Protein backbone atom coordinates (compact mmCIF):
# COMPACT_ATOMS: atom_id res chain seq x y z
CA UNK A 1 0.00 0.00 0.00
CA UNK A 2 1.25 3.45 -0.89
CA UNK A 3 2.25 5.96 1.75
CA UNK A 4 -0.63 8.30 2.62
CA UNK A 5 -0.41 12.01 3.39
CA UNK A 6 -2.96 14.55 4.56
CA UNK A 7 -3.29 17.89 2.80
CA UNK A 8 -1.90 19.47 5.98
CA UNK A 9 1.24 17.33 5.64
CA UNK A 10 1.58 18.26 1.96
CA UNK A 11 1.17 21.94 2.86
CA UNK A 12 4.45 21.83 4.84
CA UNK A 13 6.29 21.24 1.55
CA UNK A 14 5.65 24.58 -0.14
CA UNK A 15 9.13 25.96 -0.78
CA UNK A 16 11.45 25.73 -3.78
CA UNK A 17 13.84 23.54 -1.81
CA UNK A 18 11.03 21.24 -0.63
CA UNK A 19 8.14 21.20 -3.09
CA UNK A 20 5.23 18.79 -3.00
CA UNK A 21 1.84 18.97 -4.66
CA UNK A 22 -1.29 16.91 -5.15
CA UNK A 23 -2.64 15.99 -8.59
CA UNK A 24 -5.71 13.76 -8.80
CA UNK A 25 -5.33 12.63 -5.16
CA UNK A 26 -1.72 11.55 -5.70
CA UNK A 27 1.15 13.28 -3.92
CA UNK A 28 4.26 14.27 -5.87
CA UNK A 29 7.62 15.57 -4.69
CA UNK A 30 8.61 17.81 -7.59
CA UNK A 31 11.52 19.54 -5.84
CA UNK A 32 14.09 18.22 -8.33
CA UNK A 33 11.81 19.00 -11.28
CA UNK A 34 11.18 22.66 -10.46
CA UNK A 35 14.00 24.09 -12.57
CA UNK A 36 13.34 21.65 -15.44
CA UNK A 37 9.61 22.40 -15.65
CA UNK A 38 8.85 23.72 -19.14
CA UNK A 39 6.24 26.11 -17.71
CA UNK A 40 8.78 27.66 -15.37
CA UNK A 41 7.81 28.87 -11.94
CA UNK A 42 4.04 28.53 -12.48
CA UNK A 43 4.51 25.19 -10.73
CA UNK A 44 4.95 27.19 -7.48
CA UNK A 45 1.26 28.16 -7.62
CA UNK A 46 0.45 24.58 -6.59
CA UNK A 47 3.22 24.28 -3.98
CA UNK A 48 1.89 22.44 -0.96
CA UNK A 49 -1.62 22.36 -2.41
CA UNK A 50 -3.98 20.42 -4.61
CA UNK A 51 -2.86 21.52 -8.06
CA UNK A 52 -5.27 19.34 -10.03
CA UNK A 53 -7.30 22.21 -11.50
CA UNK A 54 -4.18 24.17 -12.48
CA UNK A 55 -2.63 21.04 -14.01
CA UNK A 56 -5.73 20.25 -16.07
CA UNK A 57 -6.41 23.88 -17.07
CA UNK A 58 -2.99 24.09 -18.65
CA UNK A 59 -3.58 20.89 -20.63
CA UNK A 60 -0.52 18.73 -20.05
CA UNK A 61 0.53 16.17 -22.65
CA UNK A 62 0.56 12.41 -22.21
CA UNK A 63 4.36 12.67 -21.99
CA UNK A 64 4.03 15.07 -19.05
CA UNK A 65 1.61 12.69 -17.34
CA UNK A 66 4.07 9.84 -17.83
CA UNK A 67 6.94 11.97 -16.48
CA UNK A 68 4.97 12.66 -13.29
CA UNK A 69 5.23 9.03 -12.26
CA UNK A 70 8.90 9.57 -11.37
CA UNK A 71 7.90 12.06 -8.68
CA UNK A 72 5.06 10.11 -7.05
CA UNK A 73 5.52 9.67 -3.28
CA UNK A 74 2.07 8.55 -2.11
CA UNK A 75 -1.65 9.13 -2.01
CA UNK A 76 -3.75 11.87 -0.46
CA UNK A 77 -5.38 10.64 2.72
CA UNK A 78 -9.07 11.51 2.73
């Protein structure tokens, strides 16, 4: 079973040097991806939060969705 995190736990990771976000109830540690992100610092808008709406509004490619798997750390605890 995957590690589970509350939104409050994810919210503690809201800095450039420690950056987590939630997309579709999955938690991602994207700290190492921040400076590689093609969209630049817009990723910080979802830092420590549920970034699902922002992620979908931008319209990420299937390649981007595949790339996300590398950063998966667990599931959002409901």
